[in-house]
C-alpha atoms as a PDB file:
ATOM      1  CA  MET A   1       0.218  12.713   9.130  1.00  0.00           C
ATOM      2  CA  PHE A   2       3.413  14.648   8.741  1.00  0.00           C
ATOM      3  CA  ALA A   3       3.896  17.928  10.950  1.00  0.00           C
ATOM      4  CA  ALA A   4       3.800  20.248   8.236  1.00  0.00           C
ATOM      5  CA  GLU A   5       0.505  19.097   7.103  1.00  0.00           C
ATOM      6  CA  ARG A   6      -0.880  19.278  10.854  1.00  0.00           C
ATOM      7  CA  LYS A   7       0.458  22.869  10.821  1.00  0.00           C
ATOM      8  CA  ARG A   8      -1.170  24.012   7.694  1.00  0.00           C
ATOM      9  CA  ILE A   9      -4.692  22.662   9.105  1.00  0.00           C
ATOM     10  CA  ILE A  10      -4.229  24.272  12.288  1.00  0.00           C
ATOM     11  CA  LYS A  11      -3.588  27.546  10.516  1.00  0.00           C
ATOM     12  CA  LYS A  12      -6.622  27.276   8.320  1.00  0.00           C
ATOM     13  CA  TYR A  13      -8.757  26.671  11.132  1.00  0.00           C
ATOM     14  CA  LEU A  14      -7.519  29.367  13.082  1.00  0.00           C
ATOM     15  CA  LEU A  15      -7.727  31.730  10.179  1.00  0.00           C
ATOM     16  CA  GLU A  16     -11.436  30.705   9.857  1.00  0.00           C
ATOM     17  CA  ASN A  17     -12.321  30.629  13.609  1.00  0.00           C
ATOM     18  CA  SER A  18      -9.775  32.795  15.373  1.00  0.00           C
ATOM     19  CA  LYS A  19      -9.440  30.246  18.091  1.00  0.00           C
ATOM     20  CA  ALA A  20      -9.183  26.745  18.626  1.00  0.00           C
ATOM     21  CA  GLU A  21      -9.277  23.844  21.488  1.00  0.00           C
ATOM     22  CA  VAL A  22      -6.790  21.427  21.727  1.00  0.00           C
ATOM     23  CA  VAL A  23      -9.365  18.723  22.156  1.00  0.00           C
ATOM     24  CA  LYS A  24     -11.248  20.003  18.825  1.00  0.00           C
ATOM     25  CA  ILE A  25      -7.851  20.037  16.952  1.00  0.00           C
ATOM     26  CA  SER A  26      -7.130  16.618  18.228  1.00  0.00           C
ATOM     27  CA  ASP A  27     -10.332  15.516  16.860  1.00  0.00           C
ATOM     28  CA  ILE A  28      -9.765  16.937  13.484  1.00  0.00           C
ATOM     29  CA  LEU A  29      -6.264  15.695  13.178  1.00  0.00           C
ATOM     30  CA  ASP A  30      -6.754  12.443  14.907  1.00  0.00           C
ATOM     31  CA  VAL A  31      -3.466  12.900  17.102  1.00  0.00           C
ATOM     32  CA  SER A  32      -2.988  13.212  20.781  1.00  0.00           C
ATOM     33  CA  GLU A  33      -3.755  16.267  22.707  1.00  0.00           C
ATOM     34  CA  VAL A  34       0.191  16.238  23.331  1.00  0.00           C
ATOM     35  CA  THR A  35       0.909  16.311  19.658  1.00  0.00           C
ATOM     36  CA  VAL A  36      -1.518  19.213  19.183  1.00  0.00           C
ATOM     37  CA  ARG A  37       0.119  21.089  22.020  1.00  0.00           C
ATOM     38  CA  ARG A  38       3.366  20.801  20.651  1.00  0.00           C
ATOM     39  CA  ASP A  39       2.354  21.929  17.426  1.00  0.00           C
ATOM     40  CA  PHE A  40       0.822  25.038  19.044  1.00  0.00           C
ATOM     41  CA  GLU A  41       4.085  25.663  20.877  1.00  0.00           C
ATOM     42  CA  LYS A  42       5.802  25.549  17.598  1.00  0.00           C
ATOM     43  CA  LEU A  43       3.321  27.772  15.933  1.00  0.00           C
ATOM     44  CA  GLU A  44       3.609  30.143  18.626  1.00  0.00           C
ATOM     45  CA  HIS A  45       7.382  30.568  18.397  1.00  0.00           C
ATOM     46  CA  GLU A  46       6.649  31.277  14.685  1.00  0.00           C
ATOM     47  CA  GLY A  47       4.433  34.109  15.834  1.00  0.00           C
ATOM     48  CA  PHE A  48       1.359  32.601  13.960  1.00  0.00           C
ATOM     49  CA  LEU A  49      -0.704  32.071  17.481  1.00  0.00           C
ATOM     50  CA  ILE A  50      -0.939  32.530  21.400  1.00  0.00           C
ATOM     51  CA  ARG A  51      -1.429  29.539  23.697  1.00  0.00           C
ATOM     52  CA  THR A  52      -4.236  29.877  26.041  1.00  0.00           C
ATOM     53  CA  HIS A  53      -5.676  27.540  28.678  1.00  0.00           C
ATOM     54  CA  GLY A  54      -6.772  24.478  26.641  1.00  0.00           C
ATOM     55  CA  GLY A  55      -6.119  26.020  23.294  1.00  0.00           C
ATOM     56  CA  ALA A  56      -4.766  28.955  21.242  1.00  0.00           C
ATOM     57  CA  ILE A  57      -5.955  32.024  19.636  1.00  0.00           C
ATOM     58  CA  LEU A  58      -4.796  33.920  16.419  1.00  0.00           C
ATOM     59  CA  HIS A  59      -2.204  36.507  16.990  1.00  0.00           C
ATOM     60  CA  ASP A  60      -2.788  39.725  16.073  1.00  0.00           C
ATOM     61  CA  PRO A  61       0.368  41.549  14.841  1.00  0.00           C
ATOM     62  CA  HIS A  62      -0.674  44.660  15.815  1.00  0.00           C
ATOM     63  CA  GLU A  63      -0.811  43.615  19.466  1.00  0.00           C
ATOM     64  CA  LYS A  64       2.484  43.915  21.228  1.00  0.00           C
ATOM     65  CA  THR A  65       3.819  40.845  22.871  1.00  0.00           C
ATOM     66  CA  TYR A  66       6.753  40.259  25.330  1.00  0.00           C
ATOM     67  CA  TYR A  67       9.163  37.257  24.828  1.00  0.00           C
ATOM     68  CA  ALA A  68      12.775  37.040  25.051  1.00  0.00           C
ATOM     69  CA  GLU A  69      14.723  36.616  22.012  1.00  0.00           C
ATOM     70  CA  GLN A  70      16.324  33.420  23.184  1.00  0.00           C
ATOM     71  CA  ASP A  71      12.770  31.773  23.241  1.00  0.00           C
ATOM     72  CA  MET A  72      12.569  31.696  19.528  1.00  0.00           C
ATOM     73  CA  GLU A  73      15.672  29.399  19.921  1.00  0.00           C
ATOM     74  CA  ALA A  74      15.076  27.476  23.080  1.00  0.00           C
ATOM     75  CA  ASP A  75      16.107  23.684  22.354  1.00  0.00           C
ATOM     76  CA  GLU A  76      14.216  20.458  23.538  1.00  0.00           C
ATOM     77  CA  ASN A  77      16.654  20.049  26.412  1.00  0.00           C
ATOM     78  CA  ASN A  78      15.378  23.393  28.021  1.00  0.00           C
ATOM     79  CA  GLN A  79      11.667  22.568  27.150  1.00  0.00           C
ATOM     80  CA  GLU A  80      11.838  19.167  28.912  1.00  0.00           C
ATOM     81  CA  ILE A  81      13.104  21.047  32.317  1.00  0.00           C
ATOM     82  CA  VAL A  82      10.075  23.516  31.450  1.00  0.00           C
ATOM     83  CA  GLU A  83       7.513  20.394  31.349  1.00  0.00           C
ATOM     84  CA  THR A  84       8.937  18.692  34.581  1.00  0.00           C
ATOM     85  CA  ALA A  85       8.753  21.869  36.355  1.00  0.00           C
ATOM     86  CA  ALA A  86       5.265  22.590  35.363  1.00  0.00           C
ATOM     87  CA  ALA A  87       4.236  19.241  36.615  1.00  0.00           C
ATOM     88  CA  LEU A  88       5.499  19.889  39.884  1.00  0.00           C
ATOM     89  CA  VAL A  89       3.038  22.959  40.359  1.00  0.00           C
ATOM     90  CA  LYS A  90       0.096  22.232  41.967  1.00  0.00           C
ATOM     91  CA  ASP A  91      -3.197  24.054  41.494  1.00  0.00           C
ATOM     92  CA  GLU A  92      -3.646  27.235  43.834  1.00  0.00           C
ATOM     93  CA  ASP A  93       0.318  27.212  44.310  1.00  0.00           C
ATOM     94  CA  ILE A  94       2.379  30.340  45.262  1.00  0.00           C
ATOM     95  CA  ILE A  95       5.764  30.050  43.277  1.00  0.00           C
ATOM     96  CA  MET A  96       8.633  32.425  42.885  1.00  0.00           C
ATOM     97  CA  LEU A  97      10.642  32.364  39.942  1.00  0.00           C
ATOM     98  CA  THR A  98      14.036  33.982  39.826  1.00  0.00           C
ATOM     99  CA  GLY A  99      15.735  35.786  36.856  1.00  0.00           C
ATOM    100  CA  GLY A 100      16.753  33.488  33.924  1.00  0.00           C
ATOM    101  CA  HIS A 101      15.801  32.122  30.409  1.00  0.00           C
ATOM    102  CA  ILE A 102      14.527  28.639  31.668  1.00  0.00           C
ATOM    103  CA  ASN A 103      12.232  30.654  34.028  1.00  0.00           C
ATOM    104  CA  GLN A 104      11.108  32.744  31.475  1.00  0.00           C
ATOM    105  CA  LEU A 105      10.047  29.424  29.554  1.00  0.00           C
ATOM    106  CA  LEU A 106       8.353  28.046  32.567  1.00  0.00           C
ATOM    107  CA  ALA A 107       6.470  31.550  32.936  1.00  0.00           C
ATOM    108  CA  ARG A 108       5.077  30.954  29.374  1.00  0.00           C
ATOM    109  CA  LYS A 109       3.967  27.491  30.200  1.00  0.00           C
ATOM    110  CA  LEU A 110       2.258  28.354  33.435  1.00  0.00           C
ATOM    111  CA  SER A 111       0.344  30.972  31.756  1.00  0.00           C
ATOM    112  CA  GLU A 112      -1.893  27.983  30.462  1.00  0.00           C
ATOM    113  CA  ARG A 113      -2.797  27.239  34.215  1.00  0.00           C
ATOM    114  CA  GLN A 114      -5.238  29.143  36.571  1.00  0.00           C
ATOM    115  CA  GLY A 115      -5.238  29.985  39.963  1.00  0.00           C
ATOM    116  CA  LEU A 116      -1.698  30.237  40.482  1.00  0.00           C
ATOM    117  CA  THR A 117       0.202  33.043  42.306  1.00  0.00           C
ATOM    118  CA  ILE A 118       3.704  33.819  40.632  1.00  0.00           C
ATOM    119  CA  LEU A 119       6.120  36.184  41.891  1.00  0.00           C
ATOM    120  CA  THR A 120       9.403  37.158  40.009  1.00  0.00           C
ATOM    121  CA  ASN A 121      11.781  39.710  39.578  1.00  0.00           C
ATOM    122  CA  ASP A 122      12.327  38.769  35.853  1.00  0.00           C
ATOM    123  CA  LEU A 123      10.195  41.297  33.787  1.00  0.00           C
ATOM    124  CA  VAL A 124      10.093  38.725  30.677  1.00  0.00           C
ATOM    125  CA  ALA A 125       8.917  36.038  33.023  1.00  0.00           C
ATOM    126  CA  ALA A 126       6.338  38.529  34.622  1.00  0.00           C
ATOM    127  CA  LEU A 127       4.779  39.120  31.160  1.00  0.00           C
ATOM    128  CA  ASN A 128       4.953  35.478  29.942  1.00  0.00           C
ATOM    129  CA  ALA A 129       3.267  34.442  33.123  1.00  0.00           C
ATOM    130  CA  SER A 130       0.239  36.956  32.926  1.00  0.00           C
ATOM    131  CA  ALA A 131      -0.225  36.183  28.972  1.00  0.00           C
ATOM    132  CA  GLY A 132      -3.127  34.008  29.777  1.00  0.00           C
ATOM    133  CA  GLY A 133      -4.900  36.271  32.252  1.00  0.00           C
ATOM    134  CA  MET A 134      -5.684  33.692  34.393  1.00  0.00           C
ATOM    135  CA  ASN A 135      -3.029  33.959  37.319  1.00  0.00           C
ATOM    136  CA  ARG A 136      -2.048  36.657  39.815  1.00  0.00           C
ATOM    137  CA  VAL A 137       1.398  37.822  38.890  1.00  0.00           C
ATOM    138  CA  ILE A 138       3.434  39.978  41.118  1.00  0.00           C
ATOM    139  CA  CYS A 139       6.704  41.475  39.760  1.00  0.00           C
ATOM    140  CA  LEU A 140       8.725  42.422  42.885  1.00  0.00           C
ATOM    141  CA  GLY A 141       9.797  45.728  41.926  1.00  0.00           C
ATOM    142  CA  GLY A 142      13.345  47.510  42.044  1.00  0.00           C
ATOM    143  CA  GLU A 143      16.166  49.055  40.086  1.00  0.00           C
ATOM    144  CA  ILE A 144      16.085  47.715  36.346  1.00  0.00           C
ATOM    145  CA  GLU A 145      18.962  45.589  35.264  1.00  0.00           C
ATOM    146  CA  GLN A 146      19.215  46.410  31.379  1.00  0.00           C
ATOM    147  CA  ASP A 147      21.532  43.338  30.286  1.00  0.00           C
ATOM    148  CA  ASN A 148      18.992  40.712  31.578  1.00  0.00           C
ATOM    149  CA  PHE A 149      15.511  42.182  31.944  1.00  0.00           C
ATOM    150  CA  SER A 150      15.382  41.718  35.624  1.00  0.00           C
ATOM    151  CA  VAL A 151      15.061  43.900  38.723  1.00  0.00           C
ATOM    152  CA  SER A 152      17.272  43.850  41.775  1.00  0.00           C
ATOM    153  CA  GLY A 153      18.346  45.717  44.756  1.00  0.00           C
ATOM    154  CA  SER A 154      16.998  46.569  48.211  1.00  0.00           C
ATOM    155  CA  ILE A 155      13.297  47.229  47.106  1.00  0.00           C
ATOM    156  CA  THR A 156      13.404  43.717  45.459  1.00  0.00           C
ATOM    157  CA  LEU A 157      14.662  42.054  48.781  1.00  0.00           C
ATOM    158  CA  ARG A 158      12.239  44.253  50.987  1.00  0.00           C
ATOM    159  CA  ASN A 159       9.293  42.992  48.925  1.00  0.00           C
ATOM    160  CA  MET A 160      10.757  39.437  48.622  1.00  0.00           C
ATOM    161  CA  GLN A 161      10.826  39.199  52.386  1.00  0.00           C
ATOM    162  CA  LYS A 162       6.876  40.151  52.627  1.00  0.00           C
ATOM    163  CA  TYR A 163       6.044  36.848  50.975  1.00  0.00           C
ATOM    164  CA  HIS A 164       6.017  32.910  51.664  1.00  0.00           C
ATOM    165  CA  VAL A 165       5.822  30.570  48.776  1.00  0.00           C
ATOM    166  CA  ASN A 166       5.193  26.928  48.284  1.00  0.00           C
ATOM    167  CA  ARG A 167       7.917  26.475  45.869  1.00  0.00           C
ATOM    168  CA  VAL A 168      10.991  28.664  44.271  1.00  0.00           C
ATOM    169  CA  PHE A 169      12.226  27.943  40.902  1.00  0.00           C
ATOM    170  CA  VAL A 170      16.072  28.872  41.133  1.00  0.00           C
ATOM    171  CA  GLU A 171      18.518  29.617  38.123  1.00  0.00           C
ATOM    172  CA  VAL A 172      22.354  29.956  38.650  1.00  0.00           C
ATOM    173  CA  ASP A 173      25.042  31.047  36.438  1.00  0.00           C
ATOM    174  CA  GLY A 174      27.717  28.061  37.377  1.00  0.00           C
ATOM    175  CA  ILE A 175      27.797  24.665  39.112  1.00  0.00           C
ATOM    176  CA  SER A 176      31.228  23.142  40.041  1.00  0.00           C
ATOM    177  CA  GLU A 177      32.582  19.752  39.562  1.00  0.00           C
ATOM    178  CA  ASN A 178      32.032  19.567  43.620  1.00  0.00           C
ATOM    179  CA  LEU A 179      28.587  20.665  42.993  1.00  0.00           C
ATOM    180  CA  ASP A 180      29.030  24.174  44.500  1.00  0.00           C
ATOM    181  CA  LEU A 181      26.469  26.878  43.080  1.00  0.00           C
ATOM    182  CA  SER A 182      27.752  30.277  41.825  1.00  0.00           C
ATOM    183  CA  VAL A 183      26.031  33.356  40.335  1.00  0.00           C
ATOM    184  CA  SER A 184      27.173  36.432  38.192  1.00  0.00           C
ATOM    185  CA  SER A 185      26.332  39.152  40.980  1.00  0.00           C
ATOM    186  CA  GLN A 186      26.020  39.937  44.640  1.00  0.00           C
ATOM    187  CA  GLN A 187      22.628  41.212  43.990  1.00  0.00           C
ATOM    188  CA  LYS A 188      21.297  37.777  42.370  1.00  0.00           C
ATOM    189  CA  SER A 189      23.026  36.094  45.092  1.00  0.00           C
ATOM    190  CA  GLU A 190      21.145  38.121  47.730  1.00  0.00           C
ATOM    191  CA  LEU A 191      17.655  37.543  45.926  1.00  0.00           C
ATOM    192  CA  ILE A 192      18.000  33.790  45.829  1.00  0.00           C
ATOM    193  CA  GLU A 193      19.250  33.547  49.645  1.00  0.00           C
ATOM    194  CA  SER A 194      16.014  35.603  50.234  1.00  0.00           C
ATOM    195  CA  ALA A 195      13.855  33.669  48.129  1.00  0.00           C
ATOM    196  CA  VAL A 196      15.318  30.184  49.735  1.00  0.00           C
ATOM    197  CA  GLN A 197      14.427  31.517  53.112  1.00  0.00           C
ATOM    198  CA  SER A 198      11.002  32.338  52.005  1.00  0.00           C
ATOM    199  CA  SER A 199       9.891  29.021  50.423  1.00  0.00           C
ATOM    200  CA  ASP A 200       8.690  25.602  51.589  1.00  0.00           C
ATOM    201  CA  HIS A 201      10.698  23.777  48.844  1.00  0.00           C
ATOM    202  CA  VAL A 202      13.625  25.229  46.460  1.00  0.00           C
ATOM    203  CA  THR A 203      14.067  23.503  43.066  1.00  0.00           C
ATOM    204  CA  LEU A 204      17.317  24.299  40.880  1.00  0.00           C
ATOM    205  CA  LEU A 205      16.549  24.387  37.141  1.00  0.00           C
ATOM    206  CA  CYS A 206      19.825  23.709  34.944  1.00  0.00           C
ATOM    207  CA  ASN A 207      20.693  22.475  31.887  1.00  0.00           C
ATOM    208  CA  TYR A 208      23.306  19.618  32.155  1.00  0.00           C
ATOM    209  CA  GLU A 209      25.934  21.615  30.367  1.00  0.00           C
ATOM    210  CA  LEU A 210      25.887  24.089  33.153  1.00  0.00           C
ATOM    211  CA  ILE A 211      27.502  21.604  35.467  1.00  0.00           C
ATOM    212  CA  GLY A 212      31.553  22.008  35.531  1.00  0.00           C
ATOM    213  CA  LYS A 213      31.479  25.930  35.024  1.00  0.00           C
ATOM    214  CA  ARG A 214      31.792  28.474  37.642  1.00  0.00           C
ATOM    215  CA  ALA A 215      30.414  32.239  37.833  1.00  0.00           C
ATOM    216  CA  PHE A 216      31.703  34.951  39.398  1.00  0.00           C
ATOM    217  CA  LEU A 217      30.273  34.885  43.082  1.00  0.00           C
ATOM    218  CA  SER A 218      29.950  31.761  45.095  1.00  0.00           C
ATOM    219  CA  LEU A 219      26.355  31.235  46.378  1.00  0.00           C
ATOM    220  CA  GLY A 220      26.712  27.913  48.317  1.00  0.00           C
ATOM    221  CA  PRO A 221      26.619  23.914  48.012  1.00  0.00           C
ATOM    222  CA  ILE A 222      23.804  22.395  45.951  1.00  0.00           C
ATOM    223  CA  THR A 223      22.221  20.987  49.511  1.00  0.00           C
ATOM    224  CA  MET A 224      20.615  24.479  49.383  1.00  0.00           C
ATOM    225  CA  MET A 225      18.299  23.012  47.102  1.00  0.00           C
ATOM    226  CA  ASN A 226      15.571  20.254  48.004  1.00  0.00           C
ATOM    227  CA  SER A 227      15.374  19.150  44.388  1.00  0.00           C
ATOM    228  CA  VAL A 228      17.234  19.585  40.992  1.00  0.00           C
ATOM    229  CA  ILE A 229      15.765  19.451  37.434  1.00  0.00           C
ATOM    230  CA  THR A 230      18.012  18.950  34.545  1.00  0.00           C
ATOM    231  CA  ASN A 231      18.308  16.502  31.565  1.00  0.00           C
ATOM    232  CA  PRO A 232      19.002  12.833  31.028  1.00  0.00           C
ATOM    233  CA  GLN A 233      22.340  13.486  29.620  1.00  0.00           C
ATOM    234  CA  LEU A 234      23.764  14.429  32.889  1.00  0.00           C
ATOM    235  CA  ALA A 235      26.615  12.291  33.506  1.00  0.00           C
ATOM    236  CA  ASP A 236      25.990   9.190  35.833  1.00  0.00           C
ATOM    237  CA  GLU A 237      28.426  10.505  38.109  1.00  0.00           C
ATOM    238  CA  TYR A 238      26.794  13.845  38.941  1.00  0.00           C
ATOM    239  CA  LYS A 239      23.692  11.827  38.995  1.00  0.00           C
ATOM    240  CA  ILE A 240      24.936   9.713  41.935  1.00  0.00           C
ATOM    241  CA  ALA A 241      26.772  12.491  43.621  1.00  0.00           C
ATOM    242  CA  ILE A 242      23.470  14.755  43.770  1.00  0.00           C
ATOM    243  CA  TYR A 243      21.690  11.666  44.950  1.00  0.00           C
ATOM    244  CA  ASN A 244      24.098  10.944  47.722  1.00  0.00           C
ATOM    245  CA  LYS A 245      23.617  14.439  48.961  1.00  0.00           C
ATOM    246  CA  ASN A 246      19.954  13.848  49.550  1.00  0.00           C
ATOM    247  CA  VAL A 247      18.940  16.165  47.008  1.00  0.00           C
ATOM    248  CA  ILE A 248      15.893  14.965  44.794  1.00  0.00           C
ATOM    249  CA  LEU A 249      16.895  14.509  41.176  1.00  0.00           C
ATOM    250  CA  TYR A 250      14.516  14.760  38.242  1.00  0.00           C
ATOM    251  CA  THR A 251      16.096  14.413  34.721  1.00  0.00           C
ATOM    252  CA  SER A 252      12.662  14.006  32.422  1.00  0.00           C
ATOM    253  CA  ILE A 253       8.952  14.432  32.627  1.00  0.00           C
ATOM    254  CA  ASN A 254       8.263  10.641  32.466  1.00  0.00           C
ATOM    255  CA  ALA A 255      11.197   9.498  34.840  1.00  0.00           C
ATOM    256  CA  PHE A 256      12.026  11.182  38.366  1.00  0.00           C
ATOM    257  CA  GLU A 257      15.015  10.091  39.794  1.00  0.00           C
ATOM    258  CA  GLY A 258      16.109  10.231  43.247  1.00  0.00           C
ATOM    259  CA  ASN A 259      14.209  10.697  46.568  1.00  0.00           C
ATOM    260  CA  VAL A 260      10.692  11.063  45.301  1.00  0.00           C
END
């Protein structure tokens, strides 16, 4: 069955029932649950439904939703990073998401889970994570940065220092050819440094195209991170270099590379 026909059947079912379970739709369409989840994800991007834990509900156009504009254009490379990151999150984990588009997507993915505690300074990530209503979401507070929908400053840092998390997912703005990390502002640098100190495990999320670029402010070497999640397209020379620095490297949801 073609994707367009599956989507038509899913839409018809939701219009008649207002909600749908992945297992039920999988049986109706005679396809895997993974395929159904992907169809739900595409229909969510179209604004037709809202994904929930184990299913989806029909989107009410009169209710206000909060998703970054870039989410509608998210490519498969970022989605693969998100799937891999979500697989590392354990039930009842306390995690921190720093500001960034991939973390906004990850927050939406984690809204399908339950029992997590999610800290973030990213306003879009906070709203995305709370969409399912089954996790505890803590927005760190502080001064709003209008250009990237996040909060920063002394209040944010003080609040971050109150918590200890199992894992922090970090995004940066540049990674040099020598694998040094850089960010766009002092505020972002300070928050990441504080989050690193408050976490058991630090994971860098980055599209492979970011490597070889530099941002305004040096953050530190990639060895600040315990692990890196990126795309399989990453050049072999960088894969080897990351491995040699004793940093775990994940390049897909199905194939983990490095010291796993």
